[in-house]
PDB file of N, CA and C in Angstrom:
ATOM      1  N   MET A   1       0.850  -1.183   0.000  1.00  0.00           N
ATOM      2  CA  MET A   1       0.000   0.000   0.000  1.00  0.00           C
ATOM      3  C   MET A   1       0.892   1.241   0.000  1.00  0.00           C
ATOM      4  N   PRO A   2       0.644   2.172  -0.913  1.00  0.00           N
ATOM      5  CA  PRO A   2       1.484   3.369  -1.013  1.00  0.00           C
ATOM      6  C   PRO A   2       1.493   4.250   0.245  1.00  0.00           C
ATOM      7  N   ILE A   3       0.359   4.342   0.956  1.00  0.00           N
ATOM      8  CA  ILE A   3       0.348   5.088   2.213  1.00  0.00           C
ATOM      9  C   ILE A   3      -0.280   4.209   3.286  1.00  0.00           C
ATOM     10  N   GLU A   4       0.043   4.529   4.534  1.00  0.00           N
ATOM     11  CA  GLU A   4      -0.495   3.775   5.657  1.00  0.00           C
ATOM     12  C   GLU A   4      -0.927   4.749   6.749  1.00  0.00           C
ATOM     13  N   LEU A   5      -2.075   4.501   7.330  1.00  0.00           N
ATOM     14  CA  LEU A   5      -2.517   5.234   8.508  1.00  0.00           C
ATOM     15  C   LEU A   5      -2.559   4.255   9.665  1.00  0.00           C
ATOM     16  N   THR A   6      -1.968   4.646  10.784  1.00  0.00           N
ATOM     17  CA  THR A   6      -2.000   3.776  11.952  1.00  0.00           C
ATOM     18  C   THR A   6      -3.420   3.743  12.514  1.00  0.00           C
ATOM     19  N   ALA A   7      -3.685   2.753  13.354  1.00  0.00           N
ATOM     20  CA  ALA A   7      -5.005   2.642  13.975  1.00  0.00           C
ATOM     21  C   ALA A   7      -5.325   3.892  14.792  1.00  0.00           C
ATOM     22  N   LYS A   8      -4.320   4.443  15.457  1.00  0.00           N
ATOM     23  CA  LYS A   8      -4.525   5.652  16.265  1.00  0.00           C
ATOM     24  C   LYS A   8      -4.906   6.849  15.380  1.00  0.00           C
ATOM     25  N   ALA A   9      -4.252   6.969  14.222  1.00  0.00           N
ATOM     26  CA  ALA A   9      -4.564   8.057  13.286  1.00  0.00           C
ATOM     27  C   ALA A   9      -5.979   7.899  12.734  1.00  0.00           C
ATOM     28  N   VAL A  10      -6.351   6.682  12.369  1.00  0.00           N
ATOM     29  CA  VAL A  10      -7.690   6.424  11.841  1.00  0.00           C
ATOM     30  C   VAL A  10      -8.750   6.774  12.883  1.00  0.00           C
ATOM     31  N   THR A  11      -8.524   6.358  14.118  1.00  0.00           N
ATOM     32  CA  THR A  11      -9.473   6.645  15.201  1.00  0.00           C
ATOM     33  C   THR A  11      -9.643   8.141  15.395  1.00  0.00           C
ATOM     34  N   LYS A  12      -8.530   8.898  15.383  1.00  0.00           N
ATOM     35  CA  LYS A  12      -8.594  10.346  15.595  1.00  0.00           C
ATOM     36  C   LYS A  12      -9.317  11.035  14.441  1.00  0.00           C
ATOM     37  N   VAL A  13      -9.018  10.628  13.199  1.00  0.00           N
ATOM     38  CA  VAL A  13      -9.684  11.228  12.036  1.00  0.00           C
ATOM     39  C   VAL A  13     -11.189  10.968  12.106  1.00  0.00           C
ATOM     40  N   LYS A  14     -11.574   9.736  12.418  1.00  0.00           N
ATOM     41  CA  LYS A  14     -13.006   9.407  12.517  1.00  0.00           C
ATOM     42  C   LYS A  14     -13.678  10.225  13.616  1.00  0.00           C
ATOM     43  N   GLU A  15     -12.973  10.422  14.732  1.00  0.00           N
ATOM     44  CA  GLU A  15     -13.518  11.220  15.839  1.00  0.00           C
ATOM     45  C   GLU A  15     -13.773  12.660  15.386  1.00  0.00           C
ATOM     46  N   ILE A  16     -12.811  13.243  14.688  1.00  0.00           N
ATOM     47  CA  ILE A  16     -12.964  14.624  14.203  1.00  0.00           C
ATOM     48  C   ILE A  16     -14.054  14.700  13.131  1.00  0.00           C
ATOM     49  N   MET A  17     -14.087  13.707  12.231  1.00  0.00           N
ATOM     50  CA  MET A  17     -15.106  13.690  11.176  1.00  0.00           C
ATOM     51  C   MET A  17     -16.516  13.625  11.744  1.00  0.00           C
ATOM     52  N   SER A  18     -16.692  12.888  12.837  1.00  0.00           N
ATOM     53  CA  SER A  18     -18.027  12.722  13.419  1.00  0.00           C
ATOM     54  C   SER A  18     -18.577  14.037  13.965  1.00  0.00           C
ATOM     55  N   GLN A  19     -17.699  15.002  14.187  1.00  0.00           N
ATOM     56  CA  GLN A  19     -18.123  16.302  14.707  1.00  0.00           C
ATOM     57  C   GLN A  19     -18.411  17.306  13.602  1.00  0.00           C
ATOM     58  N   GLN A  20     -18.187  16.931  12.342  1.00  0.00           N
ATOM     59  CA  GLN A  20     -18.380  17.830  11.205  1.00  0.00           C
ATOM     60  C   GLN A  20     -19.816  17.745  10.688  1.00  0.00           C
ATOM     61  N   GLU A  21     -20.343  18.883  10.251  1.00  0.00           N
ATOM     62  CA  GLU A  21     -21.665  18.934   9.618  1.00  0.00           C
ATOM     63  C   GLU A  21     -21.558  19.692   8.313  1.00  0.00           C
ATOM     64  N   PRO A  22     -21.923  19.173   7.201  1.00  0.00           N
ATOM     65  CA  PRO A  22     -22.333  17.794   7.003  1.00  0.00           C
ATOM     66  C   PRO A  22     -21.129  16.867   7.136  1.00  0.00           C
ATOM     67  N   LYS A  23     -21.391  15.614   7.413  1.00  0.00           N
ATOM     68  CA  LYS A  23     -20.312  14.649   7.615  1.00  0.00           C
ATOM     69  C   LYS A  23     -19.558  14.428   6.305  1.00  0.00           C
ATOM     70  N   PRO A  24     -18.229  14.571   6.327  1.00  0.00           N
ATOM     71  CA  PRO A  24     -17.438  14.373   5.108  1.00  0.00           C
ATOM     72  C   PRO A  24     -17.456  12.918   4.646  1.00  0.00           C
ATOM     73  N   MET A  25     -17.129  12.726   3.377  1.00  0.00           N
ATOM     74  CA  MET A  25     -17.056  11.390   2.795  1.00  0.00           C
ATOM     75  C   MET A  25     -15.755  10.690   3.215  1.00  0.00           C
ATOM     76  N   GLY A  26     -14.692  11.486   3.405  1.00  0.00           N
ATOM     77  CA  GLY A  26     -13.404  10.910   3.768  1.00  0.00           C
ATOM     78  C   GLY A  26     -12.353  11.974   3.974  1.00  0.00           C
ATOM     79  N   LEU A  27     -11.120  11.541   4.003  1.00  0.00           N
ATOM     80  CA  LEU A  27      -9.976  12.410   4.260  1.00  0.00           C
ATOM     81  C   LEU A  27      -9.116  12.510   3.010  1.00  0.00           C
ATOM     82  N   ARG A  28      -8.737  13.733   2.646  1.00  0.00           N
ATOM     83  CA  ARG A  28      -7.798  13.938   1.547  1.00  0.00           C
ATOM     84  C   ARG A  28      -6.420  14.201   2.145  1.00  0.00           C
ATOM     85  N   VAL A  29      -5.432  13.441   1.672  1.00  0.00           N
ATOM     86  CA  VAL A  29      -4.049  13.636   2.069  1.00  0.00           C
ATOM     87  C   VAL A  29      -3.284  14.039   0.823  1.00  0.00           C
ATOM     88  N   GLY A  30      -2.496  15.102   0.933  1.00  0.00           N
ATOM     89  CA  GLY A  30      -1.777  15.572  -0.238  1.00  0.00           C
ATOM     90  C   GLY A  30      -0.508  16.309   0.105  1.00  0.00           C
ATOM     91  N   VAL A  31       0.173  16.734  -0.945  1.00  0.00           N
ATOM     92  CA  VAL A  31       1.407  17.496  -0.849  1.00  0.00           C
ATOM     93  C   VAL A  31       1.210  18.751  -1.673  1.00  0.00           C
ATOM     94  N   ALA A  32       1.623  19.890  -1.115  1.00  0.00           N
ATOM     95  CA  ALA A  32       1.527  21.158  -1.835  1.00  0.00           C
ATOM     96  C   ALA A  32       2.888  21.833  -1.834  1.00  0.00           C
ATOM     97  N   GLY A  33       3.160  22.598  -2.876  1.00  0.00           N
ATOM     98  CA  GLY A  33       4.391  23.374  -2.924  1.00  0.00           C
ATOM     99  C   GLY A  33       4.330  24.476  -1.885  1.00  0.00           C
ATOM    100  N   GLY A  34       5.464  24.734  -1.261  1.00  0.00           N
ATOM    101  CA  GLY A  34       5.524  25.802  -0.269  1.00  0.00           C
ATOM    102  C   GLY A  34       6.265  25.382   0.980  1.00  0.00           C
ATOM    103  N   GLY A  35       6.452  26.313   1.872  1.00  0.00           N
ATOM    104  CA  GLY A  35       7.191  26.032   3.098  1.00  0.00           C
ATOM    105  C   GLY A  35       8.674  26.275   2.886  1.00  0.00           C
ATOM    106  N   CYS A  36       9.426  26.216   3.951  1.00  0.00           N
ATOM    107  CA  CYS A  36      10.866  26.510   3.919  1.00  0.00           C
ATOM    108  C   CYS A  36      11.639  25.552   3.017  1.00  0.00           C
ATOM    109  N   SER A  37      11.226  24.288   2.984  1.00  0.00           N
ATOM    110  CA  SER A  37      11.996  23.273   2.257  1.00  0.00           C
ATOM    111  C   SER A  37      11.405  22.881   0.909  1.00  0.00           C
ATOM    112  N   GLY A  38      10.292  23.449   0.503  1.00  0.00           N
ATOM    113  CA  GLY A  38       9.767  23.187  -0.830  1.00  0.00           C
ATOM    114  C   GLY A  38       8.393  22.568  -0.894  1.00  0.00           C
ATOM    115  N   PHE A  39       8.061  21.632   0.017  1.00  0.00           N
ATOM    116  CA  PHE A  39       6.755  20.975   0.010  1.00  0.00           C
ATOM    117  C   PHE A  39       6.211  20.917   1.430  1.00  0.00           C
ATOM    118  N   SER A  40       4.889  20.870   1.535  1.00  0.00           N
ATOM    119  CA  SER A  40       4.265  20.671   2.842  1.00  0.00           C
ATOM    120  C   SER A  40       3.099  19.697   2.693  1.00  0.00           C
ATOM    121  N   TYR A  41       2.793  19.017   3.794  1.00  0.00           N
ATOM    122  CA  TYR A  41       1.696  18.054   3.806  1.00  0.00           C
ATOM    123  C   TYR A  41       0.377  18.781   4.007  1.00  0.00           C
ATOM    124  N   GLN A  42      -0.680  18.201   3.438  1.00  0.00           N
ATOM    125  CA  GLN A  42      -2.020  18.735   3.628  1.00  0.00           C
ATOM    126  C   GLN A  42      -2.967  17.603   3.978  1.00  0.00           C
ATOM    127  N   MET A  43      -3.864  17.880   4.922  1.00  0.00           N
ATOM    128  CA  MET A  43      -4.929  16.946   5.281  1.00  0.00           C
ATOM    129  C   MET A  43      -6.214  17.758   5.357  1.00  0.00           C
ATOM    130  N   ASN A  44      -7.205  17.356   4.582  1.00  0.00           N
ATOM    131  CA  ASN A  44      -8.489  18.047   4.545  1.00  0.00           C
ATOM    132  C   ASN A  44      -9.611  17.030   4.449  1.00  0.00           C
ATOM    133  N   PHE A  45     -10.771  17.396   4.966  1.00  0.00           N
ATOM    134  CA  PHE A  45     -11.927  16.535   4.782  1.00  0.00           C
ATOM    135  C   PHE A  45     -12.482  16.765   3.387  1.00  0.00           C
ATOM    136  N   GLU A  46     -13.051  15.707   2.820  1.00  0.00           N
ATOM    137  CA  GLU A  46     -13.513  15.741   1.435  1.00  0.00           C
ATOM    138  C   GLU A  46     -14.935  15.218   1.348  1.00  0.00           C
ATOM    139  N   SER A  47     -15.754  15.892   0.532  1.00  0.00           N
ATOM    140  CA  SER A  47     -17.126  15.430   0.339  1.00  0.00           C
ATOM    141  C   SER A  47     -17.272  14.531  -0.874  1.00  0.00           C
ATOM    142  N   GLN A  48     -16.277  14.559  -1.786  1.00  0.00           N
ATOM    143  CA  GLN A  48     -16.349  13.704  -2.963  1.00  0.00           C
ATOM    144  C   GLN A  48     -14.941  13.452  -3.486  1.00  0.00           C
ATOM    145  N   SER A  49     -14.802  12.369  -4.225  1.00  0.00           N
ATOM    146  CA  SER A  49     -13.494  12.073  -4.818  1.00  0.00           C
ATOM    147  C   SER A  49     -13.446  12.649  -6.225  1.00  0.00           C
ATOM    148  N   ASN A  50     -12.237  12.803  -6.722  1.00  0.00           N
ATOM    149  CA  ASN A  50     -12.020  13.249  -8.102  1.00  0.00           C
ATOM    150  C   ASN A  50     -11.660  12.029  -8.944  1.00  0.00           C
ATOM    151  N   PRO A  51     -11.897  12.085 -10.244  1.00  0.00           N
ATOM    152  CA  PRO A  51     -11.590  10.929 -11.095  1.00  0.00           C
ATOM    153  C   PRO A  51     -10.114  10.519 -11.062  1.00  0.00           C
ATOM    154  N   ILE A  52      -9.208  11.464 -10.779  1.00  0.00           N
ATOM    155  CA  ILE A  52      -7.778  11.133 -10.776  1.00  0.00           C
ATOM    156  C   ILE A  52      -7.277  10.686  -9.404  1.00  0.00           C
ATOM    157  N   ASP A  53      -8.151  10.601  -8.414  1.00  0.00           N
ATOM    158  CA  ASP A  53      -7.751  10.185  -7.068  1.00  0.00           C
ATOM    159  C   ASP A  53      -7.542   8.689  -6.973  1.00  0.00           C
ATOM    160  N   LYS A  54      -6.608   8.307  -6.134  1.00  0.00           N
ATOM    161  CA  LYS A  54      -6.504   6.934  -5.663  1.00  0.00           C
ATOM    162  C   LYS A  54      -7.241   6.926  -4.335  1.00  0.00           C
ATOM    163  N   VAL A  55      -8.090   5.935  -4.117  1.00  0.00           N
ATOM    164  CA  VAL A  55      -8.882   5.860  -2.894  1.00  0.00           C
ATOM    165  C   VAL A  55      -8.439   4.628  -2.106  1.00  0.00           C
ATOM    166  N   TYR A  56      -8.077   4.860  -0.849  1.00  0.00           N
ATOM    167  CA  TYR A  56      -7.667   3.780   0.042  1.00  0.00           C
ATOM    168  C   TYR A  56      -8.650   3.735   1.199  1.00  0.00           C
ATOM    169  N   GLU A  57      -8.781   2.583   1.808  1.00  0.00           N
ATOM    170  CA  GLU A  57      -9.700   2.461   2.938  1.00  0.00           C
ATOM    171  C   GLU A  57      -8.977   1.842   4.124  1.00  0.00           C
ATOM    172  N   PHE A  58      -9.126   2.490   5.278  1.00  0.00           N
ATOM    173  CA  PHE A  58      -8.525   2.032   6.520  1.00  0.00           C
ATOM    174  C   PHE A  58      -9.625   1.929   7.556  1.00  0.00           C
ATOM    175  N   ASP A  59     -10.025   0.713   7.893  1.00  0.00           N
ATOM    176  CA  ASP A  59     -11.054   0.465   8.902  1.00  0.00           C
ATOM    177  C   ASP A  59     -12.305   1.322   8.654  1.00  0.00           C
ATOM    178  N   GLY A  60     -12.742   1.367   7.396  1.00  0.00           N
ATOM    179  CA  GLY A  60     -13.946   2.112   7.049  1.00  0.00           C
ATOM    180  C   GLY A  60     -13.721   3.581   6.724  1.00  0.00           C
ATOM    181  N   LEU A  61     -12.504   4.084   6.909  1.00  0.00           N
ATOM    182  CA  LEU A  61     -12.184   5.478   6.587  1.00  0.00           C
ATOM    183  C   LEU A  61     -11.635   5.548   5.172  1.00  0.00           C
ATOM    184  N   LYS A  62     -12.308   6.329   4.311  1.00  0.00           N
ATOM    185  CA  LYS A  62     -11.818   6.517   2.944  1.00  0.00           C
ATOM    186  C   LYS A  62     -10.770   7.635   2.952  1.00  0.00           C
ATOM    187  N   VAL A  63      -9.643   7.352   2.291  1.00  0.00           N
ATOM    188  CA  VAL A  63      -8.557   8.326   2.180  1.00  0.00           C
ATOM    189  C   VAL A  63      -8.284   8.552   0.700  1.00  0.00           C
ATOM    190  N   PHE A  64      -8.355   9.814   0.276  1.00  0.00           N
ATOM    191  CA  PHE A  64      -8.169  10.190  -1.120  1.00  0.00           C
ATOM    192  C   PHE A  64      -6.789  10.824  -1.295  1.00  0.00           C
ATOM    193  N   VAL A  65      -6.074  10.375  -2.333  1.00  0.00           N
ATOM    194  CA  VAL A  65      -4.760  10.933  -2.645  1.00  0.00           C
ATOM    195  C   VAL A  65      -4.715  11.189  -4.143  1.00  0.00           C
ATOM    196  N   ASP A  66      -4.381  12.427  -4.544  1.00  0.00           N
ATOM    197  CA  ASP A  66      -4.300  12.726  -5.975  1.00  0.00           C
ATOM    198  C   ASP A  66      -2.999  12.153  -6.540  1.00  0.00           C
ATOM    199  N   GLN A  67      -2.974  11.955  -7.847  1.00  0.00           N
ATOM    200  CA  GLN A  67      -1.839  11.307  -8.518  1.00  0.00           C
ATOM    201  C   GLN A  67      -0.517  12.045  -8.280  1.00  0.00           C
ATOM    202  N   ALA A  68      -0.544  13.375  -8.337  1.00  0.00           N
ATOM    203  CA  ALA A  68       0.689  14.150  -8.166  1.00  0.00           C
ATOM    204  C   ALA A  68       1.254  13.969  -6.758  1.00  0.00           C
ATOM    205  N   SER A  69       0.395  13.990  -5.751  1.00  0.00           N
ATOM    206  CA  SER A  69       0.856  13.827  -4.372  1.00  0.00           C
ATOM    207  C   SER A  69       1.357  12.415  -4.109  1.00  0.00           C
ATOM    208  N   LEU A  70       0.762  11.445  -4.788  1.00  0.00           N
ATOM    209  CA  LEU A  70       1.091  10.052  -4.535  1.00  0.00           C
ATOM    210  C   LEU A  70       2.577   9.751  -4.748  1.00  0.00           C
ATOM    211  N   MET A  71       3.188  10.391  -5.745  1.00  0.00           N
ATOM    212  CA  MET A  71       4.602  10.115  -5.994  1.00  0.00           C
ATOM    213  C   MET A  71       5.485  10.633  -4.856  1.00  0.00           C
ATOM    214  N   TYR A  72       5.033  11.647  -4.122  1.00  0.00           N
ATOM    215  CA  TYR A  72       5.793  12.157  -2.974  1.00  0.00           C
ATOM    216  C   TYR A  72       5.452  11.413  -1.685  1.00  0.00           C
ATOM    217  N   LEU A  73       4.280  10.808  -1.642  1.00  0.00           N
ATOM    218  CA  LEU A  73       3.815  10.139  -0.427  1.00  0.00           C
ATOM    219  C   LEU A  73       4.025   8.629  -0.429  1.00  0.00           C
ATOM    220  N   ASN A  74       4.526   8.070  -1.517  1.00  0.00           N
ATOM    221  CA  ASN A  74       4.672   6.625  -1.623  1.00  0.00           C
ATOM    222  C   ASN A  74       5.507   6.066  -0.465  1.00  0.00           C
ATOM    223  N   GLY A  75       4.908   5.155   0.303  1.00  0.00           N
ATOM    224  CA  GLY A  75       5.590   4.556   1.445  1.00  0.00           C
ATOM    225  C   GLY A  75       5.423   5.310   2.749  1.00  0.00           C
ATOM    226  N   THR A  76       4.638   6.385   2.743  1.00  0.00           N
ATOM    227  CA  THR A  76       4.473   7.218   3.934  1.00  0.00           C
ATOM    228  C   THR A  76       3.538   6.576   4.948  1.00  0.00           C
ATOM    229  N   LYS A  77       3.923   6.687   6.213  1.00  0.00           N
ATOM    230  CA  LYS A  77       3.102   6.216   7.332  1.00  0.00           C
ATOM    231  C   LYS A  77       2.643   7.449   8.115  1.00  0.00           C
ATOM    232  N   ILE A  78       1.337   7.540   8.353  1.00  0.00           N
ATOM    233  CA  ILE A  78       0.766   8.671   9.091  1.00  0.00           C
ATOM    234  C   ILE A  78       0.289   8.154  10.437  1.00  0.00           C
ATOM    235  N   ASP A  79       0.749   8.797  11.494  1.00  0.00           N
ATOM    236  CA  ASP A  79       0.401   8.412  12.856  1.00  0.00           C
ATOM    237  C   ASP A  79      -0.172   9.625  13.575  1.00  0.00           C
ATOM    238  N   TYR A  80      -0.872   9.379  14.666  1.00  0.00           N
ATOM    239  CA  TYR A  80      -1.338  10.465  15.536  1.00  0.00           C
ATOM    240  C   TYR A  80      -0.579  10.320  16.839  1.00  0.00           C
ATOM    241  N   VAL A  81       0.142  11.372  17.228  1.00  0.00           N
ATOM    242  CA  VAL A  81       0.961  11.314  18.437  1.00  0.00           C
ATOM    243  C   VAL A  81       0.522  12.369  19.443  1.00  0.00           C
ATOM    244  N   GLU A  82       0.624  12.010  20.701  1.00  0.00           N
ATOM    245  CA  GLU A  82       0.340  12.930  21.794  1.00  0.00           C
ATOM    246  C   GLU A  82       1.561  12.963  22.694  1.00  0.00           C
ATOM    247  N   THR A  83       2.152  14.158  22.866  1.00  0.00           N
ATOM    248  CA  THR A  83       3.318  14.333  23.722  1.00  0.00           C
ATOM    249  C   THR A  83       3.067  15.494  24.666  1.00  0.00           C
ATOM    250  N   LEU A  84       4.016  15.756  25.537  1.00  0.00           N
ATOM    251  CA  LEU A  84       3.895  16.898  26.441  1.00  0.00           C
ATOM    252  C   LEU A  84       3.875  18.219  25.678  1.00  0.00           C
ATOM    253  N   GLU A  85       4.543  18.248  24.515  1.00  0.00           N
ATOM    254  CA  GLU A  85       4.591  19.465  23.698  1.00  0.00           C
ATOM    255  C   GLU A  85       3.310  19.713  22.918  1.00  0.00           C
ATOM    256  N   GLY A  86       2.496  18.672  22.756  1.00  0.00           N
ATOM    257  CA  GLY A  86       1.263  18.820  21.993  1.00  0.00           C
ATOM    258  C   GLY A  86       0.882  17.531  21.292  1.00  0.00           C
ATOM    259  N   ALA A  87      -0.149  17.618  20.492  1.00  0.00           N
ATOM    260  CA  ALA A  87      -0.648  16.449  19.773  1.00  0.00           C
ATOM    261  C   ALA A  87      -0.840  16.809  18.313  1.00  0.00           C
ATOM    262  N   GLY A  88      -0.726  15.806  17.448  1.00  0.00           N
ATOM    263  CA  GLY A  88      -0.944  16.044  16.033  1.00  0.00           C
ATOM    264  C   GLY A  88      -0.583  14.843  15.192  1.00  0.00           C
ATOM    265  N   PHE A  89      -0.771  14.997  13.903  1.00  0.00           N
ATOM    266  CA  PHE A  89      -0.475  13.930  12.959  1.00  0.00           C
ATOM    267  C   PHE A  89       0.994  14.012  12.559  1.00  0.00           C
ATOM    268  N   LYS A  90       1.650  12.861  12.524  1.00  0.00           N
ATOM    269  CA  LYS A  90       3.065  12.779  12.193  1.00  0.00           C
ATOM    270  C   LYS A  90       3.225  11.953  10.924  1.00  0.00           C
ATOM    271  N   PHE A  91       3.946  12.506   9.953  1.00  0.00           N
ATOM    272  CA  PHE A  91       4.208  11.836   8.683  1.00  0.00           C
ATOM    273  C   PHE A  91       5.611  11.242   8.724  1.00  0.00           C
ATOM    274  N   GLU A  92       5.719   9.940   8.488  1.00  0.00           N
ATOM    275  CA  GLU A  92       7.017   9.277   8.350  1.00  0.00           C
ATOM    276  C   GLU A  92       7.157   8.921   6.877  1.00  0.00           C
ATOM    277  N   ASN A  93       7.899   9.760   6.162  1.00  0.00           N
ATOM    278  CA  ASN A  93       7.995   9.650   4.709  1.00  0.00           C
ATOM    279  C   ASN A  93       9.406   9.234   4.306  1.00  0.00           C
ATOM    280  N   PRO A  94       9.578   8.032   3.736  1.00  0.00           N
ATOM    281  CA  PRO A  94      10.909   7.565   3.347  1.00  0.00           C
ATOM    282  C   PRO A  94      11.519   8.327   2.170  1.00  0.00           C
ATOM    283  N   ASN A  95      10.723   9.134   1.475  1.00  0.00           N
ATOM    284  CA  ASN A  95      11.204   9.882   0.314  1.00  0.00           C
ATOM    285  C   ASN A  95      11.856  11.209   0.681  1.00  0.00           C
ATOM    286  N   VAL A  96      11.694  11.651   1.923  1.00  0.00           N
ATOM    287  CA  VAL A  96      12.165  12.965   2.345  1.00  0.00           C
ATOM    288  C   VAL A  96      13.684  12.964   2.484  1.00  0.00           C
ATOM    289  N   LYS A  97      14.316  13.962   1.863  1.00  0.00           N
ATOM    290  CA  LYS A  97      15.772  14.125   1.971  1.00  0.00           C
ATOM    291  C   LYS A  97      16.122  15.109   3.083  1.00  0.00           C
ATOM    292  N   THR A  98      15.379  16.225   3.171  1.00  0.00           N
ATOM    293  CA  THR A  98      15.618  17.221   4.221  1.00  0.00           C
ATOM    294  C   THR A  98      14.282  17.792   4.688  1.00  0.00           C
ATOM    295  N   THR A  99      14.276  18.268   5.924  1.00  0.00           N
ATOM    296  CA  THR A  99      13.105  18.967   6.459  1.00  0.00           C
ATOM    297  C   THR A  99      13.560  20.321   6.971  1.00  0.00           C
ATOM    298  N   CYS A 100      12.620  21.216   7.164  1.00  0.00           N
ATOM    299  CA  CYS A 100      12.967  22.521   7.707  1.00  0.00           C
ATOM    300  C   CYS A 100      13.075  22.407   9.232  1.00  0.00           C
ATOM    301  N   GLY A 101      13.562  23.428   9.858  1.00  0.00           N
ATOM    302  CA  GLY A 101      13.745  23.430  11.313  1.00  0.00           C
ATOM    303  C   GLY A 101      12.468  23.246  12.079  1.00  0.00           C
ATOM    304  N   CYS A 102      11.356  23.769  11.573  1.00  0.00           N
ATOM    305  CA  CYS A 102      10.083  23.644  12.289  1.00  0.00           C
ATOM    306  C   CYS A 102       9.400  22.309  12.013  1.00  0.00           C
ATOM    307  N   GLY A 103       9.888  21.571  11.002  1.00  0.00           N
ATOM    308  CA  GLY A 103       9.347  20.247  10.719  1.00  0.00           C
ATOM    309  C   GLY A 103       8.061  20.242   9.913  1.00  0.00           C
ATOM    310  N   SER A 104       7.617  21.408   9.431  1.00  0.00           N
ATOM    311  CA  SER A 104       6.349  21.440   8.704  1.00  0.00           C
ATOM    312  C   SER A 104       6.504  21.351   7.188  1.00  0.00           C
ATOM    313  N   SER A 105       7.730  21.408   6.680  1.00  0.00           N
ATOM    314  CA  SER A 105       7.916  21.246   5.242  1.00  0.00           C
ATOM    315  C   SER A 105       9.126  20.354   4.982  1.00  0.00           C
ATOM    316  N   PHE A 106       9.241  19.891   3.725  1.00  0.00           N
ATOM    317  CA  PHE A 106      10.273  18.923   3.387  1.00  0.00           C
ATOM    318  C   PHE A 106      10.689  19.075   1.928  1.00  0.00           C
ATOM    319  N   SER A 107      11.802  18.429   1.581  1.00  0.00           N
ATOM    320  CA  SER A 107      12.205  18.346   0.177  1.00  0.00           C
ATOM    321  C   SER A 107      12.538  16.895  -0.135  1.00  0.00           C
ATOM    322  N   VAL A 108      12.443  16.551  -1.424  1.00  0.00           N
ATOM    323  CA  VAL A 108      12.728  15.178  -1.868  1.00  0.00           C
ATOM    324  C   VAL A 108      13.877  15.176  -2.844  1.00  0.00           C
TER     325      VAL A 108
END
């Protein structure tokens, strides 16, 4: 599978989705140009898929990834972590060569 969401990440996404009105169809994961190092990750709720999307399912959660983002996300594992500093989604991407100091952008 080109991308993986951990059980903890899936649970958190479903929890957040259940609070949305209207309820989204699934989660879009993508890569956009920008940030200190060239690219940044994006996660958004989606009401419909596009014809060029790859659709993956994790425990009933639909995850949409567009073709362009897929080449940057191939092999990526997404987890939800909670630490003393805060909580959030963590991307473990084997394609990343460098990241910026704040950790919010990357280059390949």
